[in-house]
Amino acid sequence: MTGVAVVGHLCVDLRPQLPGPPVLEPGVLAQVGPAVVTLGGAVANTGRVVALLGVPVEGWGAIGRDDFGAIVRGHLARVPGFRFHPEVVDAGTAYTIVVEPPGTDRTFWHHPGTNALLDLARVDLAGVDLLHFGYPSLMPGVCADAGDGLADLYARAVAAGVVTSLDLAWVDPLTSAGAVDWPSFLQRVLPLVDVVSPSWADLASALDLPLEWDAARGRDLVEQLLDWGAGLVVLTAGEQGALLGAAGADRLARLARYRLDVATWAGARTAASARPVDRIGTTAGAGDAATAALLVALREGRDPAATLAYCADVASAVIEQGGTGGFTGLRSPRA
């Protein structure tokens, strides 16, 4: 085994500490606490956690020639086992303001910037055994081609015997992503995707479903993604836990390059509860961390139940440690 290529969305995250609900009244100066400046997106979040869990990472993302681009380079250079391949383009580096008042879930104010210009054709898959991509809905260039560019990238990976993975993100109906036919998009790419790990909210926003968690509908969505061609589906739902579904043995053939028992995985259906946390540093990046743990667990040959347990352990550790930027690994085994 070699390493993991993590490709796609990348941005700078600015997370001010808020004493209460955000104040948006015109002309009012609202005092806030210190800000945490870290990175966001699949390349930084999933890639960083994969690397810190001991698997070498090749990261591919677009940045600008601005101060935010320098921040991205600096942060990723400090991650052991992570090699960054930046595509420097003539646009402002993407950034997100994470609005996270105490006791409530976070909201994101996002500028896609350079993510619109990432050239997937330049991604080099030499020396990797797994390709992970996230998130098409936040990358206008990927949305614009109805999935053709992403399908081409996955087709290259499949031809090389590389395991493929996809994660989704929120679909904003007021952006170009809102005009995408997401069922058609997913049916175009999922036959080339071995592992897909969306959150309930991200999938619901793409398929125009109610955002309230519904376990029965969640199980139906797992089956839908499998019917559309995915090999393995892990649907996360925050504090509601996660659902896992796997296709048959033939569809899981590329995963057999790892030590996992394909016979055990074939047709698997299981669920897991979220881990309780001792403190909430931030929930930002927890889903990406669960995806990172999923990819590492598969490479290590864990069974379905152990895989979901590992995903929950890593996600809760990231929440407690203040996000993927503060993650240093699992400090102790959990029961």
Protein backbone atom coordinates (compact mmCIF):
# COMPACT_ATOMS: atom_id res chain seq x y z
CA MET A 1 0.00 0.00 0.00
CA THR A 2 1.14 3.53 -0.75
CA GLY A 3 -0.98 6.55 0.07
CA VAL A 4 -4.17 8.53 -0.42
CA ALA A 5 -4.82 11.35 -2.89
CA VAL A 6 -7.27 13.90 -1.48
CA VAL A 7 -8.60 16.25 -4.16
CA GLY A 8 -11.12 19.06 -4.31
CA HIS A 9 -12.42 21.77 -2.05
CA LEU A 10 -9.95 23.78 0.02
CA CYS A 11 -10.38 27.04 1.90
CA VAL A 12 -9.31 29.15 4.87
CA ASP A 13 -11.71 28.98 7.83
CA LEU A 14 -12.16 32.00 10.09
CA ARG A 15 -14.00 31.05 13.27
CA PRO A 16 -14.64 33.97 15.66
CA GLN A 17 -15.60 33.09 19.21
CA LEU A 18 -19.16 34.31 19.71
CA PRO A 19 -20.57 35.06 23.19
CA GLY A 20 -24.12 34.62 21.90
CA PRO A 21 -26.25 34.84 18.76
CA PRO A 22 -24.57 36.84 15.98
CA VAL A 23 -25.60 40.52 15.87
CA LEU A 24 -26.53 41.72 12.38
CA GLU A 25 -28.16 45.07 13.18
CA PRO A 26 -26.91 47.94 10.99
CA GLY A 27 -24.55 50.36 12.74
CA VAL A 28 -24.04 48.18 15.82
CA LEU A 29 -20.55 47.21 17.02
CA ALA A 30 -20.76 43.75 18.59
CA GLN A 31 -17.84 42.55 20.67
CA VAL A 32 -16.64 39.01 19.97
CA GLY A 33 -13.83 36.82 21.25
CA PRO A 34 -10.59 35.72 19.57
CA ALA A 35 -10.75 34.07 16.17
CA VAL A 36 -9.35 30.70 15.22
CA VAL A 37 -7.77 30.70 11.76
CA THR A 38 -7.53 27.23 10.29
CA LEU A 39 -8.24 25.43 7.03
CA GLY A 40 -11.44 23.88 5.76
CA GLY A 41 -12.63 21.75 2.90
CA ALA A 42 -12.04 18.11 2.10
CA VAL A 43 -8.38 18.54 1.14
CA ALA A 44 -7.46 20.10 4.48
CA ASN A 45 -9.92 18.39 6.81
CA THR A 46 -10.05 14.85 5.49
CA GLY A 47 -6.46 14.94 4.24
CA ARG A 48 -5.04 16.21 7.52
CA VAL A 49 -6.83 13.59 9.61
CA VAL A 50 -5.84 10.77 7.23
CA ALA A 51 -2.21 11.88 7.50
CA LEU A 52 -2.34 12.13 11.30
CA LEU A 53 -3.83 8.64 11.43
CA GLY A 54 -0.64 7.44 9.77
CA VAL A 55 -1.39 7.26 6.05
CA PRO A 56 0.65 9.42 3.62
CA VAL A 57 -1.47 11.99 1.76
CA GLU A 58 -1.06 13.75 -1.59
CA GLY A 59 -3.29 16.84 -1.48
CA TRP A 60 -4.55 18.59 -4.63
CA GLY A 61 -6.33 21.93 -4.45
CA ALA A 62 -6.34 25.44 -5.94
CA ILE A 63 -5.16 28.59 -4.16
CA GLY A 64 -4.55 32.20 -5.15
CA ARG A 65 -1.50 34.45 -4.88
CA ASP A 66 -2.97 36.27 -1.89
CA ASP A 67 -2.48 36.17 1.87
CA PHE A 68 -5.05 33.41 2.27
CA GLY A 69 -3.10 31.30 -0.22
CA ALA A 70 0.01 31.78 1.93
CA ILE A 71 -1.96 30.67 4.99
CA VAL A 72 -3.01 27.48 3.20
CA ARG A 73 0.58 26.67 2.24
CA GLY A 74 1.84 27.35 5.75
CA HIS A 75 -0.76 25.21 7.50
CA LEU A 76 -0.40 22.23 5.19
CA ALA A 77 3.39 22.36 5.31
CA ARG A 78 3.18 21.66 9.05
CA VAL A 79 1.15 18.45 8.68
CA PRO A 80 3.44 15.41 8.91
CA GLY A 81 2.89 12.98 6.07
CA PHE A 82 1.00 15.50 3.93
CA ARG A 83 2.41 16.66 0.58
CA PHE A 84 0.53 19.54 -1.02
CA HIS A 85 0.34 20.05 -4.79
CA PRO A 86 -1.15 23.54 -5.15
CA GLU A 87 -2.60 24.82 -8.39
CA VAL A 88 -2.01 28.57 -8.17
CA VAL A 89 -4.65 30.47 -10.13
CA ASP A 90 -5.65 34.09 -10.74
CA ALA A 91 -8.45 34.33 -8.21
CA GLY A 92 -8.90 34.94 -4.51
CA THR A 93 -8.30 31.93 -2.30
CA ALA A 94 -11.55 30.48 -1.00
CA TYR A 95 -12.52 31.27 2.58
CA THR A 96 -15.32 30.51 5.01
CA ILE A 97 -16.51 32.41 8.07
CA VAL A 98 -17.76 29.81 10.52
CA VAL A 99 -20.57 31.27 12.64
CA GLU A 100 -20.91 29.04 15.69
CA PRO A 101 -22.80 30.56 18.64
CA PRO A 102 -22.65 28.63 21.94
CA GLY A 103 -24.97 25.65 22.10
CA THR A 104 -26.07 25.71 18.47
CA ASP A 105 -24.91 24.14 15.23
CA ARG A 106 -22.65 26.16 13.00
CA THR A 107 -23.50 28.23 9.92
CA PHE A 108 -21.03 28.90 7.10
CA TRP A 109 -20.54 32.11 5.11
CA HIS A 110 -18.51 30.86 2.18
CA HIS A 111 -16.69 32.32 -0.83
CA PRO A 112 -15.74 29.53 -3.31
CA GLY A 113 -12.98 31.58 -4.98
CA THR A 114 -10.19 29.43 -6.38
CA ASN A 115 -12.22 26.22 -6.02
CA ALA A 116 -14.03 27.17 -9.23
CA LEU A 117 -10.79 26.83 -11.20
CA LEU A 118 -9.26 23.54 -10.05
CA ASP A 119 -8.14 21.49 -13.08
CA LEU A 120 -8.86 17.84 -12.30
CA ALA A 121 -6.88 16.71 -15.33
CA ARG A 122 -3.62 17.71 -13.63
CA VAL A 123 -4.15 15.38 -10.65
CA ASP A 124 -1.40 12.74 -10.69
CA LEU A 125 -2.47 9.37 -9.28
CA ALA A 126 0.96 7.76 -9.41
CA GLY A 127 1.93 6.22 -6.09
CA VAL A 128 -1.52 6.23 -4.46
CA ASP A 129 -3.96 3.39 -3.83
CA LEU A 130 -6.99 5.52 -2.95
CA LEU A 131 -8.51 8.69 -4.43
CA HIS A 132 -10.89 10.80 -2.34
CA PHE A 133 -12.78 13.80 -3.76
CA GLY A 134 -14.93 16.39 -1.98
CA TYR A 135 -17.10 18.44 -2.52
CA PRO A 136 -18.62 18.90 -5.99
CA SER A 137 -21.41 21.28 -4.91
CA LEU A 138 -18.87 23.88 -3.71
CA MET A 139 -16.80 23.71 -6.89
CA PRO A 140 -18.60 25.51 -9.75
CA GLY A 141 -16.24 24.09 -12.37
CA VAL A 142 -17.15 20.54 -11.36
CA CYS A 143 -20.87 21.31 -11.26
CA ALA A 144 -20.77 23.03 -14.64
CA ASP A 145 -19.85 19.93 -16.61
CA ALA A 146 -22.66 17.76 -15.20
CA GLY A 147 -20.07 15.48 -13.61
CA ASP A 148 -18.04 14.74 -16.75
CA GLY A 149 -14.75 16.07 -15.39
CA LEU A 150 -15.15 14.23 -12.11
CA ALA A 151 -16.18 11.06 -13.91
CA ASP A 152 -13.03 11.34 -16.05
CA LEU A 153 -10.89 11.60 -12.91
CA TYR A 154 -12.57 8.57 -11.38
CA ALA A 155 -12.27 6.64 -14.65
CA ARG A 156 -8.51 7.24 -14.62
CA ALA A 157 -8.38 5.95 -11.05
CA VAL A 158 -10.43 2.86 -11.82
CA ALA A 159 -8.22 2.06 -14.82
CA ALA A 160 -5.20 2.25 -12.53
CA GLY A 161 -6.80 -0.02 -9.91
CA VAL A 162 -7.13 2.84 -7.41
CA VAL A 163 -9.97 2.73 -4.87
CA THR A 164 -12.29 5.74 -5.25
CA SER A 165 -14.16 7.80 -2.66
CA LEU A 166 -16.59 10.75 -2.73
CA ASP A 167 -17.94 13.13 -0.10
CA LEU A 168 -20.70 15.68 -0.63
CA ALA A 169 -21.43 19.11 0.81
CA TRP A 170 -24.43 21.36 1.30
CA VAL A 171 -26.18 22.44 -1.89
CA ASP A 172 -27.11 26.12 -1.74
CA PRO A 173 -30.20 26.63 -3.93
CA LEU A 174 -29.17 30.24 -4.59
CA THR A 175 -25.90 29.24 -6.31
CA SER A 176 -25.12 27.44 -9.55
CA ALA A 177 -25.10 24.18 -7.57
CA GLY A 178 -28.81 24.66 -6.95
CA ALA A 179 -29.50 24.31 -10.68
CA VAL A 180 -27.64 20.99 -10.98
CA ASP A 181 -29.67 17.83 -11.51
CA TRP A 182 -28.07 16.00 -8.58
CA PRO A 183 -29.77 12.63 -9.10
CA SER A 184 -28.39 12.60 -12.66
CA PHE A 185 -25.00 13.82 -11.44
CA LEU A 186 -24.78 11.05 -8.87
CA GLN A 187 -25.98 8.39 -11.28
CA ARG A 188 -23.20 9.57 -13.62
CA VAL A 189 -20.36 9.22 -11.12
CA LEU A 190 -21.40 6.65 -8.49
CA PRO A 191 -20.77 3.59 -10.69
CA LEU A 192 -17.12 4.73 -10.56
CA VAL A 193 -17.14 5.40 -6.80
CA ASP A 194 -16.26 2.63 -4.35
CA VAL A 195 -16.98 4.62 -1.18
CA VAL A 196 -19.40 7.52 -0.71
CA SER A 197 -19.80 9.21 2.70
CA PRO A 198 -22.33 12.07 2.65
CA SER A 199 -24.00 13.60 5.64
CA TRP A 200 -27.78 13.48 5.94
CA ALA A 201 -28.03 17.28 5.59
CA ASP A 202 -25.81 17.38 2.51
CA LEU A 203 -27.71 14.61 0.76
CA ALA A 204 -31.09 16.04 1.74
CA SER A 205 -30.12 19.44 0.31
CA ALA A 206 -28.99 17.82 -2.95
CA LEU A 207 -32.15 15.73 -3.35
CA ASP A 208 -34.60 18.38 -2.07
CA LEU A 209 -35.67 16.37 0.97
CA PRO A 210 -36.75 17.60 4.41
CA LEU A 211 -33.74 18.39 6.61
CA GLU A 212 -35.18 16.75 9.73
CA TRP A 213 -33.52 13.40 10.43
CA ASP A 214 -35.65 10.41 9.53
CA ALA A 215 -34.02 7.03 10.18
CA ALA A 216 -36.30 5.12 7.78
CA ARG A 217 -35.65 7.61 5.00
CA GLY A 218 -31.94 7.47 5.82
CA ARG A 219 -31.96 3.72 5.25
CA ASP A 220 -33.83 4.27 1.99
CA LEU A 221 -31.19 6.77 0.87
CA VAL A 222 -28.42 4.28 1.56
CA GLU A 223 -30.22 1.81 -0.70
CA GLN A 224 -30.75 4.51 -3.33
CA LEU A 225 -27.04 5.33 -3.52
CA LEU A 226 -26.23 1.64 -3.81
CA ASP A 227 -28.81 1.28 -6.58
CA TRP A 228 -27.16 4.22 -8.37
CA GLY A 229 -23.89 2.31 -8.43
CA ALA A 230 -21.92 3.05 -5.25
CA GLY A 231 -19.93 0.21 -3.71
CA LEU A 232 -20.12 1.25 -0.06
CA VAL A 233 -22.26 3.96 1.55
CA VAL A 234 -21.78 5.54 4.98
CA LEU A 235 -24.46 8.12 5.74
CA THR A 236 -23.62 10.28 8.77
CA ALA A 237 -26.16 12.24 10.78
CA GLY A 238 -24.23 14.00 13.54
CA GLU A 239 -25.52 13.13 16.99
CA GLN A 240 -27.93 10.63 15.38
CA GLY A 241 -25.00 8.40 14.41
CA ALA A 242 -24.36 6.72 11.06
CA LEU A 243 -25.76 4.11 8.69
CA LEU A 244 -23.66 1.76 6.55
CA GLY A 245 -24.62 -0.25 3.51
CA ALA A 246 -22.45 -2.26 1.13
CA ALA A 247 -23.01 -3.73 -2.32
CA GLY A 248 -22.21 -7.29 -3.34
CA ALA A 249 -18.80 -8.90 -3.46
CA ASP A 250 -18.23 -8.23 -7.16
CA ARG A 251 -18.81 -4.49 -6.71
CA LEU A 252 -16.38 -4.43 -3.77
CA ALA A 253 -13.61 -6.09 -5.76
CA ARG A 254 -11.24 -3.10 -5.76
CA LEU A 255 -11.43 -2.95 -1.96
CA ALA A 256 -10.03 -6.49 -1.90
CA ARG A 257 -6.58 -4.96 -2.45
CA TYR A 258 -6.72 -4.19 1.27
CA ARG A 259 -6.82 -6.75 4.05
CA LEU A 260 -10.56 -6.54 4.59
CA ASP A 261 -12.72 -9.65 4.25
CA VAL A 262 -14.92 -8.93 1.24
CA ALA A 263 -17.23 -11.81 2.16
CA THR A 264 -17.94 -10.11 5.50
CA TRP A 265 -18.54 -6.75 3.86
CA ALA A 266 -20.68 -7.94 0.94
CA GLY A 267 -24.30 -6.91 1.50
CA ALA A 268 -23.54 -5.52 4.96
CA ARG A 269 -26.10 -3.28 6.66
CA THR A 270 -25.34 -1.77 10.05
CA ALA A 271 -25.77 1.35 12.14
CA ALA A 272 -23.85 3.02 14.95
CA SER A 273 -24.57 5.68 17.54
CA ALA A 274 -22.50 8.82 17.87
CA ARG A 275 -19.93 8.90 20.67
CA PRO A 276 -20.67 11.21 23.62
CA VAL A 277 -18.13 14.02 23.90
CA ASP A 278 -16.60 15.52 27.03
CA ARG A 279 -16.58 19.02 25.51
CA ILE A 280 -17.57 20.67 22.26
CA GLY A 281 -14.60 22.53 20.80
CA THR A 282 -16.31 22.74 17.42
CA THR A 283 -18.38 20.45 15.26
CA ALA A 284 -16.82 21.92 12.09
CA GLY A 285 -14.87 19.22 10.26
CA ALA A 286 -16.36 16.31 12.22
CA GLY A 287 -17.95 14.79 9.12
CA ASP A 288 -14.68 15.07 7.21
CA ALA A 289 -12.91 13.40 10.12
CA ALA A 290 -15.40 10.52 10.05
CA THR A 291 -14.69 10.12 6.33
CA ALA A 292 -10.95 10.10 7.00
CA ALA A 293 -11.42 7.40 9.63
CA LEU A 294 -13.58 5.40 7.21
CA LEU A 295 -10.85 5.41 4.56
CA VAL A 296 -8.14 4.46 7.05
CA ALA A 297 -10.30 1.69 8.54
CA LEU A 298 -10.91 0.19 5.11
CA ARG A 299 -7.19 0.23 4.35
CA GLU A 300 -6.58 -1.52 7.67
CA GLY A 301 -9.12 -4.27 6.93
CA ARG A 302 -11.58 -3.57 9.77
CA ASP A 303 -15.03 -5.14 9.66
CA PRO A 304 -18.20 -3.01 9.20
CA ALA A 305 -19.06 -2.59 12.89
CA ALA A 306 -15.46 -1.82 13.85
CA THR A 307 -15.25 0.65 10.98
CA LEU A 308 -18.27 2.66 12.14
CA ALA A 309 -16.97 2.59 15.72
CA TYR A 310 -13.62 3.96 14.55
CA CYS A 311 -15.38 6.71 12.57
CA ALA A 312 -17.32 7.71 15.71
CA ASP A 313 -14.14 7.70 17.82
CA VAL A 314 -12.23 9.95 15.44
CA ALA A 315 -15.14 12.34 14.86
CA SER A 316 -15.71 12.79 18.60
CA ALA A 317 -11.99 13.35 19.18
CA VAL A 318 -11.98 16.07 16.52
CA ILE A 319 -15.00 17.75 18.15
CA GLU A 320 -13.33 17.65 21.58
CA GLN A 321 -9.96 18.85 20.29
CA GLY A 322 -11.35 21.90 18.52
CA GLY A 323 -11.60 20.74 14.91
CA THR A 324 -9.28 19.09 12.45
CA GLY A 325 -6.74 21.89 12.92
CA GLY A 326 -6.37 20.89 16.58
CA PHE A 327 -6.58 17.14 16.08
CA THR A 328 -3.54 15.26 17.29
CA GLY A 329 -4.90 11.73 17.13
CA LEU A 330 -6.89 9.40 19.34
CA ARG A 331 -5.62 9.93 22.86
CA SER A 332 -6.95 6.69 24.34
CA PRO A 333 -9.09 3.78 23.22
CA ARG A 334 -12.80 4.11 23.91
CA ALA A 335 -14.98 1.30 25.18
